[in-house]
Amino acid sequence: MTAALQEDSQSNARTRQEQEEELILTAWHSMSVALQQHSLCEESRAPGQAQSFLAKQRQSTQARRGFSPRLQPR
């Protein structure tokens, strides 16, 4: 009888693990889709040319530090 209980416990653990993996994959996919849509919205609102990743990083760093685009540190 203990073997049957152990087998049942292992089966429940496997089922729970599969459910958790499915939830993680679903959440990852949903987050990816949301980020992609957000990125597309941001790009469509941005005036001018498309910017490279580094250009966007420079802008965000300058905004955080409070530098104007004309006054860049050397």
PDB file of N, CA and C in Angstrom:
ATOM      1  N   MET A   1       0.818  -1.186   0.000  1.00  0.00           N
ATOM      2  CA  MET A   1       0.000   0.000   0.000  1.00  0.00           C
ATOM      3  C   MET A   1       0.866   1.256   0.000  1.00  0.00           C
ATOM      4  N   THR A   2       2.001   1.229   0.634  1.00  0.00           N
ATOM      5  CA  THR A   2       2.868   2.405   0.655  1.00  0.00           C
ATOM      6  C   THR A   2       3.421   2.707  -0.733  1.00  0.00           C
ATOM      7  N   ALA A   3       3.625   1.673  -1.534  1.00  0.00           N
ATOM      8  CA  ALA A   3       4.114   1.889  -2.898  1.00  0.00           C
ATOM      9  C   ALA A   3       3.069   2.634  -3.718  1.00  0.00           C
ATOM     10  N   ALA A   4       1.802   2.307  -3.515  1.00  0.00           N
ATOM     11  CA  ALA A   4       0.726   2.993  -4.237  1.00  0.00           C
ATOM     12  C   ALA A   4       0.640   4.452  -3.818  1.00  0.00           C
ATOM     13  N   LEU A   5       0.800   4.726  -2.530  1.00  0.00           N
ATOM     14  CA  LEU A   5       0.777   6.105  -2.048  1.00  0.00           C
ATOM     15  C   LEU A   5       1.964   6.906  -2.592  1.00  0.00           C
ATOM     16  N   GLN A   6       3.118   6.269  -2.637  1.00  0.00           N
ATOM     17  CA  GLN A   6       4.307   6.936  -3.148  1.00  0.00           C
ATOM     18  C   GLN A   6       4.155   7.242  -4.638  1.00  0.00           C
ATOM     19  N   GLU A   7       3.595   6.294  -5.367  1.00  0.00           N
ATOM     20  CA  GLU A   7       3.365   6.484  -6.797  1.00  0.00           C
ATOM     21  C   GLU A   7       2.363   7.620  -7.038  1.00  0.00           C
ATOM     22  N   ASP A   8       1.312   7.650  -6.231  1.00  0.00           N
ATOM     23  CA  ASP A   8       0.301   8.701  -6.333  1.00  0.00           C
ATOM     24  C   ASP A   8       0.912  10.066  -6.012  1.00  0.00           C
ATOM     25  N   SER A   9       1.774  10.110  -5.013  1.00  0.00           N
ATOM     26  CA  SER A   9       2.435  11.357  -4.625  1.00  0.00           C
ATOM     27  C   SER A   9       3.346  11.860  -5.741  1.00  0.00           C
ATOM     28  N   GLN A  10       4.072  10.937  -6.369  1.00  0.00           N
ATOM     29  CA  GLN A  10       4.953  11.311  -7.482  1.00  0.00           C
ATOM     30  C   GLN A  10       4.140  11.820  -8.671  1.00  0.00           C
ATOM     31  N   SER A  11       3.010  11.170  -8.914  1.00  0.00           N
ATOM     32  CA  SER A  11       2.136  11.588 -10.008  1.00  0.00           C
ATOM     33  C   SER A  11       1.593  12.995  -9.754  1.00  0.00           C
ATOM     34  N   ASN A  12       1.182  13.258  -8.511  1.00  0.00           N
ATOM     35  CA  ASN A  12       0.688  14.595  -8.156  1.00  0.00           C
ATOM     36  C   ASN A  12       1.786  15.647  -8.298  1.00  0.00           C
ATOM     37  N   ALA A  13       3.001  15.294  -7.903  1.00  0.00           N
ATOM     38  CA  ALA A  13       4.123  16.229  -8.009  1.00  0.00           C
ATOM     39  C   ALA A  13       4.417  16.545  -9.474  1.00  0.00           C
ATOM     40  N   ARG A  14       4.394  15.507 -10.320  1.00  0.00           N
ATOM     41  CA  ARG A  14       4.626  15.725 -11.757  1.00  0.00           C
ATOM     42  C   ARG A  14       3.543  16.609 -12.364  1.00  0.00           C
ATOM     43  N   THR A  15       2.286  16.350 -12.010  1.00  0.00           N
ATOM     44  CA  THR A  15       1.168  17.144 -12.518  1.00  0.00           C
ATOM     45  C   THR A  15       1.309  18.599 -12.080  1.00  0.00           C
ATOM     46  N   ARG A  16       1.662  18.803 -10.820  1.00  0.00           N
ATOM     47  CA  ARG A  16       1.832  20.162 -10.296  1.00  0.00           C
ATOM     48  C   ARG A  16       2.981  20.877 -11.019  1.00  0.00           C
ATOM     49  N   GLN A  17       4.078  20.150 -11.247  1.00  0.00           N
ATOM     50  CA  GLN A  17       5.215  20.741 -11.936  1.00  0.00           C
ATOM     51  C   GLN A  17       4.845  21.114 -13.373  1.00  0.00           C
ATOM     52  N   GLU A  18       4.107  20.259 -14.048  1.00  0.00           N
ATOM     53  CA  GLU A  18       3.673  20.554 -15.411  1.00  0.00           C
ATOM     54  C   GLU A  18       2.760  21.776 -15.446  1.00  0.00           C
ATOM     55  N   GLN A  19       1.872  21.893 -14.466  1.00  0.00           N
ATOM     56  CA  GLN A  19       0.983  23.057 -14.401  1.00  0.00           C
ATOM     57  C   GLN A  19       1.783  24.338 -14.158  1.00  0.00           C
ATOM     58  N   GLU A  20       2.767  24.268 -13.269  1.00  0.00           N
ATOM     59  CA  GLU A  20       3.600  25.435 -12.992  1.00  0.00           C
ATOM     60  C   GLU A  20       4.381  25.858 -14.229  1.00  0.00           C
ATOM     61  N   GLU A  21       4.945  24.859 -14.945  1.00  0.00           N
ATOM     62  CA  GLU A  21       5.688  25.170 -16.170  1.00  0.00           C
ATOM     63  C   GLU A  21       4.785  25.827 -17.211  1.00  0.00           C
ATOM     64  N   GLU A  22       3.571  25.319 -17.329  1.00  0.00           N
ATOM     65  CA  GLU A  22       2.616  25.897 -18.279  1.00  0.00           C
ATOM     66  C   GLU A  22       2.275  27.341 -17.905  1.00  0.00           C
ATOM     67  N   LEU A  23       2.071  27.591 -16.611  1.00  0.00           N
ATOM     68  CA  LEU A  23       1.791  28.955 -16.161  1.00  0.00           C
ATOM     69  C   LEU A  23       2.961  29.898 -16.427  1.00  0.00           C
ATOM     70  N   ILE A  24       4.168  29.423 -16.199  1.00  0.00           N
ATOM     71  CA  ILE A  24       5.359  30.237 -16.445  1.00  0.00           C
ATOM     72  C   ILE A  24       5.464  30.566 -17.933  1.00  0.00           C
ATOM     73  N   LEU A  25       5.268  29.565 -18.777  1.00  0.00           N
ATOM     74  CA  LEU A  25       5.343  29.802 -20.226  1.00  0.00           C
ATOM     75  C   LEU A  25       4.254  30.772 -20.689  1.00  0.00           C
ATOM     76  N   THR A  26       3.065  30.627 -20.156  1.00  0.00           N
ATOM     77  CA  THR A  26       1.965  31.517 -20.523  1.00  0.00           C
ATOM     78  C   THR A  26       2.270  32.946 -20.093  1.00  0.00           C
ATOM     79  N   ALA A  27       2.776  33.100 -18.873  1.00  0.00           N
ATOM     80  CA  ALA A  27       3.116  34.436 -18.384  1.00  0.00           C
ATOM     81  C   ALA A  27       4.234  35.041 -19.217  1.00  0.00           C
ATOM     82  N   TRP A  28       5.231  34.249 -19.561  1.00  0.00           N
ATOM     83  CA  TRP A  28       6.357  34.736 -20.372  1.00  0.00           C
ATOM     84  C   TRP A  28       5.859  35.193 -21.742  1.00  0.00           C
ATOM     85  N   HIS A  29       5.004  34.400 -22.342  1.00  0.00           N
ATOM     86  CA  HIS A  29       4.472  34.761 -23.657  1.00  0.00           C
ATOM     87  C   HIS A  29       3.637  36.043 -23.570  1.00  0.00           C
ATOM     88  N   SER A  30       2.792  36.142 -22.560  1.00  0.00           N
ATOM     89  CA  SER A  30       1.961  37.340 -22.396  1.00  0.00           C
ATOM     90  C   SER A  30       2.827  38.579 -22.190  1.00  0.00           C
ATOM     91  N   MET A  31       3.862  38.448 -21.379  1.00  0.00           N
ATOM     92  CA  MET A  31       4.751  39.578 -21.136  1.00  0.00           C
ATOM     93  C   MET A  31       5.485  39.974 -22.419  1.00  0.00           C
ATOM     94  N   SER A  32       5.930  38.996 -23.189  1.00  0.00           N
ATOM     95  CA  SER A  32       6.624  39.282 -24.443  1.00  0.00           C
ATOM     96  C   SER A  32       5.721  40.037 -25.418  1.00  0.00           C
ATOM     97  N   VAL A  33       4.494  39.588 -25.526  1.00  0.00           N
ATOM     98  CA  VAL A  33       3.538  40.239 -26.425  1.00  0.00           C
ATOM     99  C   VAL A  33       3.264  41.665 -25.950  1.00  0.00           C
ATOM    100  N   ALA A  34       3.072  41.846 -24.652  1.00  0.00           N
ATOM    101  CA  ALA A  34       2.801  43.173 -24.117  1.00  0.00           C
ATOM    102  C   ALA A  34       3.982  44.112 -24.342  1.00  0.00           C
ATOM    103  N   LEU A  35       5.193  43.629 -24.118  1.00  0.00           N
ATOM    104  CA  LEU A  35       6.379  44.467 -24.346  1.00  0.00           C
ATOM    105  C   LEU A  35       6.535  44.815 -25.823  1.00  0.00           C
ATOM    106  N   GLN A  36       6.255  43.857 -26.685  1.00  0.00           N
ATOM    107  CA  GLN A  36       6.364  44.123 -28.114  1.00  0.00           C
ATOM    108  C   GLN A  36       5.332  45.175 -28.543  1.00  0.00           C
ATOM    109  N   GLN A  37       4.115  45.064 -28.053  1.00  0.00           N
ATOM    110  CA  GLN A  37       3.090  46.050 -28.388  1.00  0.00           C
ATOM    111  C   GLN A  37       3.463  47.426 -27.843  1.00  0.00           C
ATOM    112  N   HIS A  38       3.980  47.458 -26.624  1.00  0.00           N
ATOM    113  CA  HIS A  38       4.404  48.726 -26.021  1.00  0.00           C
ATOM    114  C   HIS A  38       5.529  49.356 -26.840  1.00  0.00           C
ATOM    115  N   SER A  39       6.457  48.534 -27.270  1.00  0.00           N
ATOM    116  CA  SER A  39       7.577  49.020 -28.070  1.00  0.00           C
ATOM    117  C   SER A  39       7.081  49.586 -29.396  1.00  0.00           C
ATOM    118  N   LEU A  40       6.141  48.899 -30.027  1.00  0.00           N
ATOM    119  CA  LEU A  40       5.600  49.379 -31.296  1.00  0.00           C
ATOM    120  C   LEU A  40       4.861  50.703 -31.106  1.00  0.00           C
ATOM    121  N   CYS A  41       4.137  50.836 -29.992  1.00  0.00           N
ATOM    122  CA  CYS A  41       3.427  52.085 -29.719  1.00  0.00           C
ATOM    123  C   CYS A  41       4.413  53.223 -29.494  1.00  0.00           C
ATOM    124  N   GLU A  42       5.468  52.954 -28.757  1.00  0.00           N
ATOM    125  CA  GLU A  42       6.476  53.978 -28.483  1.00  0.00           C
ATOM    126  C   GLU A  42       7.144  54.422 -29.779  1.00  0.00           C
ATOM    127  N   GLU A  43       7.469  53.475 -30.650  1.00  0.00           N
ATOM    128  CA  GLU A  43       8.130  53.807 -31.911  1.00  0.00           C
ATOM    129  C   GLU A  43       7.207  54.613 -32.816  1.00  0.00           C
ATOM    130  N   SER A  44       5.925  54.299 -32.797  1.00  0.00           N
ATOM    131  CA  SER A  44       5.003  55.010 -33.679  1.00  0.00           C
ATOM    132  C   SER A  44       4.766  56.437 -33.190  1.00  0.00           C
ATOM    133  N   ARG A  45       4.932  56.680 -31.892  1.00  0.00           N
ATOM    134  CA  ARG A  45       4.735  58.026 -31.345  1.00  0.00           C
ATOM    135  C   ARG A  45       5.987  58.885 -31.451  1.00  0.00           C
ATOM    136  N   ALA A  46       7.145  58.253 -31.577  1.00  0.00           N
ATOM    137  CA  ALA A  46       8.405  59.006 -31.583  1.00  0.00           C
ATOM    138  C   ALA A  46       8.563  59.750 -32.910  1.00  0.00           C
ATOM    139  N   PRO A  47       8.741  61.069 -32.830  1.00  0.00           N
ATOM    140  CA  PRO A  47       8.946  61.820 -34.061  1.00  0.00           C
ATOM    141  C   PRO A  47      10.363  61.616 -34.594  1.00  0.00           C
ATOM    142  N   GLY A  48      10.538  61.835 -35.881  1.00  0.00           N
ATOM    143  CA  GLY A  48      11.877  61.758 -36.459  1.00  0.00           C
ATOM    144  C   GLY A  48      12.277  60.344 -36.819  1.00  0.00           C
ATOM    145  N   GLN A  49      13.584  60.170 -36.956  1.00  0.00           N
ATOM    146  CA  GLN A  49      14.117  58.892 -37.389  1.00  0.00           C
ATOM    147  C   GLN A  49      14.130  57.874 -36.251  1.00  0.00           C
ATOM    148  N   ALA A  50      14.204  56.624 -36.644  1.00  0.00           N
ATOM    149  CA  ALA A  50      14.341  55.565 -35.653  1.00  0.00           C
ATOM    150  C   ALA A  50      15.708  55.670 -35.000  1.00  0.00           C
ATOM    151  N   GLN A  51      15.768  55.376 -33.712  1.00  0.00           N
ATOM    152  CA  GLN A  51      17.026  55.505 -32.992  1.00  0.00           C
ATOM    153  C   GLN A  51      17.599  54.138 -32.660  1.00  0.00           C
ATOM    154  N   SER A  52      18.913  54.105 -32.583  1.00  0.00           N
ATOM    155  CA  SER A  52      19.572  52.868 -32.195  1.00  0.00           C
ATOM    156  C   SER A  52      19.394  52.647 -30.699  1.00  0.00           C
ATOM    157  N   PHE A  53      19.727  51.447 -30.279  1.00  0.00           N
ATOM    158  CA  PHE A  53      19.646  51.125 -28.858  1.00  0.00           C
ATOM    159  C   PHE A  53      20.535  52.055 -28.043  1.00  0.00           C
ATOM    160  N   LEU A  54      21.767  52.288 -28.511  1.00  0.00           N
ATOM    161  CA  LEU A  54      22.697  53.150 -27.769  1.00  0.00           C
ATOM    162  C   LEU A  54      22.204  54.593 -27.700  1.00  0.00           C
ATOM    163  N   ALA A  55      21.600  55.076 -28.772  1.00  0.00           N
ATOM    164  CA  ALA A  55      21.078  56.442 -28.750  1.00  0.00           C
ATOM    165  C   ALA A  55      19.966  56.577 -27.713  1.00  0.00           C
ATOM    166  N   LYS A  56      19.116  55.560 -27.624  1.00  0.00           N
ATOM    167  CA  LYS A  56      18.050  55.588 -26.621  1.00  0.00           C
ATOM    168  C   LYS A  56      18.633  55.551 -25.215  1.00  0.00           C
ATOM    169  N   GLN A  57      19.690  54.751 -25.013  1.00  0.00           N
ATOM    170  CA  GLN A  57      20.325  54.673 -23.700  1.00  0.00           C
ATOM    171  C   GLN A  57      20.953  56.004 -23.319  1.00  0.00           C
ATOM    172  N   ARG A  58      21.587  56.658 -24.274  1.00  0.00           N
ATOM    173  CA  ARG A  58      22.189  57.966 -23.995  1.00  0.00           C
ATOM    174  C   ARG A  58      21.123  58.977 -23.591  1.00  0.00           C
ATOM    175  N   GLN A  59      20.006  58.958 -24.297  1.00  0.00           N
ATOM    176  CA  GLN A  59      18.926  59.885 -23.972  1.00  0.00           C
ATOM    177  C   GLN A  59      18.383  59.643 -22.567  1.00  0.00           C
ATOM    178  N   SER A  60      18.166  58.385 -22.229  1.00  0.00           N
ATOM    179  CA  SER A  60      17.611  58.098 -20.903  1.00  0.00           C
ATOM    180  C   SER A  60      18.610  58.444 -19.808  1.00  0.00           C
ATOM    181  N   THR A  61      19.890  58.223 -20.062  1.00  0.00           N
ATOM    182  CA  THR A  61      20.919  58.582 -19.075  1.00  0.00           C
ATOM    183  C   THR A  61      20.974  60.091 -18.896  1.00  0.00           C
ATOM    184  N   GLN A  62      20.927  60.819 -19.991  1.00  0.00           N
ATOM    185  CA  GLN A  62      20.958  62.278 -19.915  1.00  0.00           C
ATOM    186  C   GLN A  62      19.728  62.799 -19.189  1.00  0.00           C
ATOM    187  N   ALA A  63      18.582  62.197 -19.446  1.00  0.00           N
ATOM    188  CA  ALA A  63      17.350  62.636 -18.779  1.00  0.00           C
ATOM    189  C   ALA A  63      17.439  62.381 -17.275  1.00  0.00           C
ATOM    190  N   ARG A  64      17.988  61.227 -16.898  1.00  0.00           N
ATOM    191  CA  ARG A  64      18.125  60.921 -15.472  1.00  0.00           C
ATOM    192  C   ARG A  64      19.079  61.880 -14.777  1.00  0.00           C
ATOM    193  N   ARG A  65      20.152  62.222 -15.462  1.00  0.00           N
ATOM    194  CA  ARG A  65      21.167  63.093 -14.865  1.00  0.00           C
ATOM    195  C   ARG A  65      20.803  64.567 -14.959  1.00  0.00           C
ATOM    196  N   GLY A  66      19.812  64.863 -15.776  1.00  0.00           N
ATOM    197  CA  GLY A  66      19.380  66.242 -15.904  1.00  0.00           C
ATOM    198  C   GLY A  66      20.227  67.076 -16.847  1.00  0.00           C
ATOM    199  N   PHE A  67      20.997  66.435 -17.719  1.00  0.00           N
ATOM    200  CA  PHE A  67      21.803  67.154 -18.706  1.00  0.00           C
ATOM    201  C   PHE A  67      20.952  67.527 -19.899  1.00  0.00           C
ATOM    202  N   SER A  68      21.237  68.682 -20.435  1.00  0.00           N
ATOM    203  CA  SER A  68      20.585  69.033 -21.698  1.00  0.00           C
ATOM    204  C   SER A  68      21.407  68.389 -22.813  1.00  0.00           C
ATOM    205  N   PRO A  69      20.813  68.171 -23.970  1.00  0.00           N
ATOM    206  CA  PRO A  69      21.574  67.538 -25.066  1.00  0.00           C
ATOM    207  C   PRO A  69      22.800  68.359 -25.476  1.00  0.00           C
ATOM    208  N   ARG A  70      22.770  69.663 -25.247  1.00  0.00           N
ATOM    209  CA  ARG A  70      23.909  70.506 -25.653  1.00  0.00           C
ATOM    210  C   ARG A  70      25.076  70.397 -24.669  1.00  0.00           C
ATOM    211  N   LEU A  71      24.800  70.079 -23.427  1.00  0.00           N
ATOM    212  CA  LEU A  71      25.835  70.074 -22.393  1.00  0.00           C
ATOM    213  C   LEU A  71      26.198  68.650 -22.001  1.00  0.00           C
ATOM    214  N   GLN A  72      26.945  67.998 -22.857  1.00  0.00           N
ATOM    215  CA  GLN A  72      27.346  66.637 -22.565  1.00  0.00           C
ATOM    216  C   GLN A  72      28.693  66.637 -21.847  1.00  0.00           C
ATOM    217  N   PRO A  73      28.872  65.769 -20.832  1.00  0.00           N
ATOM    218  CA  PRO A  73      30.162  65.716 -20.140  1.00  0.00           C
ATOM    219  C   PRO A  73      31.235  65.141 -21.045  1.00  0.00           C
ATOM    220  N   ARG A  74      32.471  65.530 -20.799  1.00  0.00           N
ATOM    221  CA  ARG A  74      33.579  65.035 -21.624  1.00  0.00           C
ATOM    222  C   ARG A  74      34.178  63.801 -21.057  1.00  0.00           C
TER     223      ARG A  74
END
